[in-house]
Amino acid sequence: MERKRDGPSLAAVRLRALAHRLRWKLLDAVYLEGSATATRCAQLTGESVASCSYHLNILGKYGYLEQISGPGRERPWRVTSSRQDLSAPGPELEDELASQAAIEAFVEQEFDRLRSWRRRLQAEPGEWQSASGLGGSTIWVTAEELQQMKDELLAVLGQYTDRGDKPTLRPDGSRAARVFYFTAVSPPR
């Protein structure tokens, strides 16, 4: 693993770029739009164009976004990958801290999305209200069973991921939907 001179690994520094809530909002905005300029991101997030431009450039610097050609002088951004690995890139403390910071920003963004969804749910057509949901369950399982559940959830999600990158695969009437899952063991007593 490559290390910066007297500092954290480049992978940890790259992961730290995701430790900002606005950057998660920008990744979402660019992904949902297919591509977007700083101006469009500002419209979607309510942030200033300058702030969006700065954070888009950080995401670009670390490879999460890339600039593409646009009409005229526009330089929109697009997401380089719809999946992000937030696990610590190595065994060092800096790696773990970078992972924790990125995960905390990610979870805060998910909670913001959840609160927003709850506020606007009644405005959705009945079929979308019915298809949406929130729930949780505490169950008694072994580590192997929990791993199996996680793998099965990822397999179900995997059946639909190509639609994000290939709009021609999206059925008529489809909309972007967010699925957030969380599997964790309770602390020992």
C-alpha atoms as a PDB file:
ATOM      1  CA  MET A   1       0.000   0.000   0.000  1.00  0.00           C
ATOM      2  CA  GLU A   2       1.364   3.355  -1.022  1.00  0.00           C
ATOM      3  CA  ARG A   3       1.937   5.822   1.787  1.00  0.00           C
ATOM      4  CA  LYS A   4       2.305   9.556   1.716  1.00  0.00           C
ATOM      5  CA  ARG A   5       5.563  10.742   3.195  1.00  0.00           C
ATOM      6  CA  ASP A   6       5.136  10.719   6.995  1.00  0.00           C
ATOM      7  CA  GLY A   7       1.378  10.483   6.767  1.00  0.00           C
ATOM      8  CA  PRO A   8      -1.613   8.260   6.169  1.00  0.00           C
ATOM      9  CA  SER A   9      -1.886   5.923   3.209  1.00  0.00           C
ATOM     10  CA  LEU A  10      -3.222   7.361  -0.042  1.00  0.00           C
ATOM     11  CA  ALA A  11      -6.177   4.973   0.287  1.00  0.00           C
ATOM     12  CA  ALA A  12      -7.001   6.465   3.701  1.00  0.00           C
ATOM     13  CA  VAL A  13      -6.721  10.002   2.337  1.00  0.00           C
ATOM     14  CA  ARG A  14      -8.993   9.010  -0.560  1.00  0.00           C
ATOM     15  CA  LEU A  15     -11.515   7.528   1.868  1.00  0.00           C
ATOM     16  CA  ARG A  16     -11.417  10.697   3.976  1.00  0.00           C
ATOM     17  CA  ALA A  17     -12.741  12.568   0.948  1.00  0.00           C
ATOM     18  CA  LEU A  18     -16.078  10.863   1.655  1.00  0.00           C
ATOM     19  CA  ALA A  19     -16.156  12.131   5.246  1.00  0.00           C
ATOM     20  CA  HIS A  20     -18.329  15.128   4.332  1.00  0.00           C
ATOM     21  CA  ARG A  21     -22.112  15.103   4.110  1.00  0.00           C
ATOM     22  CA  LEU A  22     -22.284  17.494   1.148  1.00  0.00           C
ATOM     23  CA  ARG A  23     -20.032  15.200  -0.849  1.00  0.00           C
ATOM     24  CA  TRP A  24     -22.511  12.349  -0.359  1.00  0.00           C
ATOM     25  CA  LYS A  25     -25.317  14.666  -1.513  1.00  0.00           C
ATOM     26  CA  LEU A  26     -23.261  15.589  -4.563  1.00  0.00           C
ATOM     27  CA  LEU A  27     -22.527  11.948  -5.388  1.00  0.00           C
ATOM     28  CA  ASP A  28     -26.276  11.246  -5.196  1.00  0.00           C
ATOM     29  CA  ALA A  29     -27.169  14.268  -7.310  1.00  0.00           C
ATOM     30  CA  VAL A  30     -24.645  13.482 -10.038  1.00  0.00           C
ATOM     31  CA  TYR A  31     -25.613   9.798 -10.056  1.00  0.00           C
ATOM     32  CA  LEU A  32     -29.350  10.500 -10.305  1.00  0.00           C
ATOM     33  CA  GLU A  33     -28.860  13.126 -13.011  1.00  0.00           C
ATOM     34  CA  GLY A  34     -26.441  10.951 -14.986  1.00  0.00           C
ATOM     35  CA  SER A  35     -24.100  13.920 -15.094  1.00  0.00           C
ATOM     36  CA  ALA A  36     -24.283  17.378 -13.578  1.00  0.00           C
ATOM     37  CA  THR A  37     -22.414  20.656 -13.425  1.00  0.00           C
ATOM     38  CA  ALA A  38     -21.665  22.581 -10.243  1.00  0.00           C
ATOM     39  CA  THR A  39     -24.535  24.914 -11.152  1.00  0.00           C
ATOM     40  CA  ARG A  40     -27.007  22.035 -11.425  1.00  0.00           C
ATOM     41  CA  CYS A  41     -25.714  20.512  -8.191  1.00  0.00           C
ATOM     42  CA  ALA A  42     -26.243  23.852  -6.443  1.00  0.00           C
ATOM     43  CA  GLN A  43     -29.866  23.859  -7.651  1.00  0.00           C
ATOM     44  CA  LEU A  44     -30.393  20.309  -6.401  1.00  0.00           C
ATOM     45  CA  THR A  45     -28.686  20.674  -3.011  1.00  0.00           C
ATOM     46  CA  GLY A  46     -29.449  24.289  -2.104  1.00  0.00           C
ATOM     47  CA  GLU A  47     -25.714  24.950  -1.671  1.00  0.00           C
ATOM     48  CA  SER A  48     -23.733  27.666  -3.453  1.00  0.00           C
ATOM     49  CA  VAL A  49     -22.171  27.004  -6.847  1.00  0.00           C
ATOM     50  CA  ALA A  50     -18.733  27.770  -5.363  1.00  0.00           C
ATOM     51  CA  SER A  51     -19.200  25.241  -2.563  1.00  0.00           C
ATOM     52  CA  CYS A  52     -20.464  22.589  -4.978  1.00  0.00           C
ATOM     53  CA  SER A  53     -17.593  23.267  -7.354  1.00  0.00           C
ATOM     54  CA  TYR A  54     -15.038  22.917  -4.551  1.00  0.00           C
ATOM     55  CA  HIS A  55     -16.479  19.622  -3.282  1.00  0.00           C
ATOM     56  CA  LEU A  56     -16.988  18.218  -6.795  1.00  0.00           C
ATOM     57  CA  ASN A  57     -13.315  18.901  -7.457  1.00  0.00           C
ATOM     58  CA  ILE A  58     -12.325  17.056  -4.259  1.00  0.00           C
ATOM     59  CA  LEU A  59     -14.447  14.070  -5.324  1.00  0.00           C
ATOM     60  CA  GLY A  60     -12.825  14.265  -8.751  1.00  0.00           C
ATOM     61  CA  LYS A  61      -9.319  14.505  -7.301  1.00  0.00           C
ATOM     62  CA  TYR A  62      -9.831  11.220  -5.457  1.00  0.00           C
ATOM     63  CA  GLY A  63     -11.480   9.389  -8.340  1.00  0.00           C
ATOM     64  CA  TYR A  64     -15.123   9.288  -7.225  1.00  0.00           C
ATOM     65  CA  LEU A  65     -16.198  11.586 -10.072  1.00  0.00           C
ATOM     66  CA  GLU A  66     -14.799  12.468 -13.465  1.00  0.00           C
ATOM     67  CA  GLN A  67     -15.390  15.436 -15.731  1.00  0.00           C
ATOM     68  CA  ILE A  68     -16.870  14.811 -19.145  1.00  0.00           C
ATOM     69  CA  SER A  69     -17.486  16.958 -22.198  1.00  0.00           C
ATOM     70  CA  GLY A  70     -20.646  18.987 -22.151  1.00  0.00           C
ATOM     71  CA  PRO A  71     -22.395  21.430 -24.448  1.00  0.00           C
ATOM     72  CA  GLY A  72     -20.432  24.619 -25.038  1.00  0.00           C
ATOM     73  CA  ARG A  73     -18.046  25.378 -22.220  1.00  0.00           C
ATOM     74  CA  GLU A  74     -19.875  23.259 -19.647  1.00  0.00           C
ATOM     75  CA  ARG A  75     -17.844  20.605 -17.870  1.00  0.00           C
ATOM     76  CA  PRO A  76     -20.294  18.272 -16.139  1.00  0.00           C
ATOM     77  CA  TRP A  77     -19.261  15.539 -13.747  1.00  0.00           C
ATOM     78  CA  ARG A  78     -20.271  11.902 -13.691  1.00  0.00           C
ATOM     79  CA  VAL A  79     -19.868   9.178 -11.097  1.00  0.00           C
ATOM     80  CA  THR A  80     -17.051   6.716 -11.795  1.00  0.00           C
ATOM     81  CA  SER A  81     -18.648   3.887  -9.781  1.00  0.00           C
ATOM     82  CA  SER A  82     -22.037   3.417  -8.153  1.00  0.00           C
ATOM     83  CA  ARG A  83     -20.446   1.380  -5.332  1.00  0.00           C
ATOM     84  CA  GLN A  84     -18.157   2.661  -2.619  1.00  0.00           C
ATOM     85  CA  ASP A  85     -16.172   0.508  -0.199  1.00  0.00           C
ATOM     86  CA  LEU A  86     -16.024   2.274   3.157  1.00  0.00           C
ATOM     87  CA  SER A  87     -13.988  -0.383   4.961  1.00  0.00           C
ATOM     88  CA  ALA A  88     -10.597   0.528   6.368  1.00  0.00           C
ATOM     89  CA  PRO A  89      -8.034   0.164   3.562  1.00  0.00           C
ATOM     90  CA  GLY A  90      -5.358  -1.135   5.926  1.00  0.00           C
ATOM     91  CA  PRO A  91      -4.529  -2.003   9.520  1.00  0.00           C
ATOM     92  CA  GLU A  92      -3.200   1.403  10.584  1.00  0.00           C
ATOM     93  CA  LEU A  93      -5.096   3.716  12.935  1.00  0.00           C
ATOM     94  CA  GLU A  94      -5.354   6.357  10.172  1.00  0.00           C
ATOM     95  CA  ASP A  95      -7.091   3.784   7.963  1.00  0.00           C
ATOM     96  CA  GLU A  96      -9.653   2.943  10.651  1.00  0.00           C
ATOM     97  CA  LEU A  97     -10.273   6.617  11.460  1.00  0.00           C
ATOM     98  CA  ALA A  98     -10.775   7.427   7.763  1.00  0.00           C
ATOM     99  CA  SER A  99     -13.256   4.563   7.492  1.00  0.00           C
ATOM    100  CA  GLN A 100     -15.152   5.695  10.583  1.00  0.00           C
ATOM    101  CA  ALA A 101     -15.355   9.285   9.330  1.00  0.00           C
ATOM    102  CA  ALA A 102     -16.627   8.231   5.888  1.00  0.00           C
ATOM    103  CA  ILE A 103     -19.189   5.865   7.422  1.00  0.00           C
ATOM    104  CA  GLU A 104     -20.451   8.543   9.824  1.00  0.00           C
ATOM    105  CA  ALA A 105     -20.988  10.995   6.952  1.00  0.00           C
ATOM    106  CA  PHE A 106     -22.675   8.259   4.898  1.00  0.00           C
ATOM    107  CA  VAL A 107     -25.040   7.300   7.749  1.00  0.00           C
ATOM    108  CA  GLU A 108     -25.930  10.954   8.403  1.00  0.00           C
ATOM    109  CA  GLN A 109     -26.775  11.339   4.709  1.00  0.00           C
ATOM    110  CA  GLU A 110     -28.957   8.220   4.894  1.00  0.00           C
ATOM    111  CA  PHE A 111     -30.783   9.575   7.949  1.00  0.00           C
ATOM    112  CA  ASP A 112     -31.326  12.915   6.168  1.00  0.00           C
ATOM    113  CA  ARG A 113     -32.742  10.999   3.208  1.00  0.00           C
ATOM    114  CA  LEU A 114     -34.993   8.970   5.532  1.00  0.00           C
ATOM    115  CA  ARG A 115     -36.349  12.072   7.268  1.00  0.00           C
ATOM    116  CA  SER A 116     -36.996  13.724   3.905  1.00  0.00           C
ATOM    117  CA  TRP A 117     -38.782  10.610   2.620  1.00  0.00           C
ATOM    118  CA  ARG A 118     -41.051  10.490   5.699  1.00  0.00           C
ATOM    119  CA  ARG A 119     -42.002  14.171   5.249  1.00  0.00           C
ATOM    120  CA  ARG A 120     -43.036  13.722   1.622  1.00  0.00           C
ATOM    121  CA  LEU A 121     -44.451  10.180   1.726  1.00  0.00           C
ATOM    122  CA  GLN A 122     -48.114  11.276   1.776  1.00  0.00           C
ATOM    123  CA  ALA A 123     -47.561  13.215  -1.463  1.00  0.00           C
ATOM    124  CA  GLU A 124     -46.599  10.020  -3.309  1.00  0.00           C
ATOM    125  CA  PRO A 125     -49.165   7.982  -5.260  1.00  0.00           C
ATOM    126  CA  GLY A 126     -50.654   5.085  -3.305  1.00  0.00           C
ATOM    127  CA  GLU A 127     -48.652   2.376  -5.067  1.00  0.00           C
ATOM    128  CA  TRP A 128     -45.370   4.112  -4.202  1.00  0.00           C
ATOM    129  CA  GLN A 129     -46.492   4.638  -0.607  1.00  0.00           C
ATOM    130  CA  SER A 130     -47.304   0.939  -0.351  1.00  0.00           C
ATOM    131  CA  ALA A 131     -44.008  -0.144  -1.972  1.00  0.00           C
ATOM    132  CA  SER A 132     -41.959   2.061   0.358  1.00  0.00           C
ATOM    133  CA  GLY A 133     -41.249   0.962   3.877  1.00  0.00           C
ATOM    134  CA  LEU A 134     -39.266   1.159   7.033  1.00  0.00           C
ATOM    135  CA  GLY A 135     -38.786  -1.548   9.588  1.00  0.00           C
ATOM    136  CA  GLY A 136     -36.406  -3.442  11.722  1.00  0.00           C
ATOM    137  CA  SER A 137     -36.134  -6.676  13.567  1.00  0.00           C
ATOM    138  CA  THR A 138     -33.958  -8.045  16.327  1.00  0.00           C
ATOM    139  CA  ILE A 139     -33.270 -11.714  15.732  1.00  0.00           C
ATOM    140  CA  TRP A 140     -31.057 -14.393  17.234  1.00  0.00           C
ATOM    141  CA  VAL A 141     -28.596 -15.732  14.651  1.00  0.00           C
ATOM    142  CA  THR A 142     -25.086 -17.098  14.347  1.00  0.00           C
ATOM    143  CA  ALA A 143     -22.350 -15.117  12.598  1.00  0.00           C
ATOM    144  CA  GLU A 144     -22.707 -17.463   9.611  1.00  0.00           C
ATOM    145  CA  GLU A 145     -26.460 -16.842   9.407  1.00  0.00           C
ATOM    146  CA  LEU A 146     -26.002 -13.078   9.603  1.00  0.00           C
ATOM    147  CA  GLN A 147     -23.374 -13.297   6.851  1.00  0.00           C
ATOM    148  CA  GLN A 148     -25.804 -15.340   4.745  1.00  0.00           C
ATOM    149  CA  MET A 149     -28.536 -12.705   5.224  1.00  0.00           C
ATOM    150  CA  LYS A 150     -26.154  -9.947   4.193  1.00  0.00           C
ATOM    151  CA  ASP A 151     -25.055 -11.910   1.120  1.00  0.00           C
ATOM    152  CA  GLU A 152     -28.686 -12.575   0.159  1.00  0.00           C
ATOM    153  CA  LEU A 153     -29.602  -8.890   0.515  1.00  0.00           C
ATOM    154  CA  LEU A 154     -26.651  -7.909  -1.673  1.00  0.00           C
ATOM    155  CA  ALA A 155     -27.661 -10.523  -4.257  1.00  0.00           C
ATOM    156  CA  VAL A 156     -31.198  -9.114  -4.433  1.00  0.00           C
ATOM    157  CA  LEU A 157     -29.856  -5.570  -4.840  1.00  0.00           C
ATOM    158  CA  GLY A 158     -27.390  -6.799  -7.454  1.00  0.00           C
ATOM    159  CA  GLN A 159     -30.256  -7.832  -9.709  1.00  0.00           C
ATOM    160  CA  TYR A 160     -31.082  -4.155 -10.262  1.00  0.00           C
ATOM    161  CA  THR A 161     -27.740  -2.337 -10.227  1.00  0.00           C
ATOM    162  CA  ASP A 162     -27.187  -2.378 -14.007  1.00  0.00           C
ATOM    163  CA  ARG A 163     -30.210  -0.114 -14.407  1.00  0.00           C
ATOM    164  CA  GLY A 164     -28.317   2.738 -12.804  1.00  0.00           C
ATOM    165  CA  ASP A 165     -25.610   2.738 -15.437  1.00  0.00           C
ATOM    166  CA  LYS A 166     -27.812   1.648 -18.371  1.00  0.00           C
ATOM    167  CA  PRO A 167     -31.027   3.665 -18.578  1.00  0.00           C
ATOM    168  CA  THR A 168     -32.267   1.470 -21.449  1.00  0.00           C
ATOM    169  CA  LEU A 169     -32.685  -1.371 -18.927  1.00  0.00           C
ATOM    170  CA  ARG A 170     -35.104   0.665 -16.788  1.00  0.00           C
ATOM    171  CA  PRO A 171     -38.726  -0.440 -17.168  1.00  0.00           C
ATOM    172  CA  ASP A 172     -41.377   2.141 -18.038  1.00  0.00           C
ATOM    173  CA  GLY A 173     -42.645   3.812 -14.892  1.00  0.00           C
ATOM    174  CA  SER A 174     -39.511   3.035 -12.881  1.00  0.00           C
ATOM    175  CA  ARG A 175     -38.069   5.600 -10.493  1.00  0.00           C
ATOM    176  CA  ALA A 176     -34.878   5.768  -8.508  1.00  0.00           C
ATOM    177  CA  ALA A 177     -35.428   4.033  -5.178  1.00  0.00           C
ATOM    178  CA  ARG A 178     -33.055   3.903  -2.241  1.00  0.00           C
ATOM    179  CA  VAL A 179     -32.501   0.669  -0.325  1.00  0.00           C
ATOM    180  CA  PHE A 180     -30.465   1.049   2.834  1.00  0.00           C
ATOM    181  CA  TYR A 181     -29.749  -1.979   4.949  1.00  0.00           C
ATOM    182  CA  PHE A 182     -27.897  -2.468   8.175  1.00  0.00           C
ATOM    183  CA  THR A 183     -26.782  -5.717   9.718  1.00  0.00           C
ATOM    184  CA  ALA A 184     -24.949  -5.701  13.020  1.00  0.00           C
ATOM    185  CA  VAL A 185     -24.568  -7.849  16.068  1.00  0.00           C
ATOM    186  CA  SER A 186     -25.648  -6.521  19.457  1.00  0.00           C
ATOM    187  CA  PRO A 187     -22.793  -5.895  21.892  1.00  0.00           C
ATOM    188  CA  PRO A 188     -22.110  -8.765  24.291  1.00  0.00           C
ATOM    189  CA  ARG A 189     -23.610  -8.475  27.757  1.00  0.00           C
END
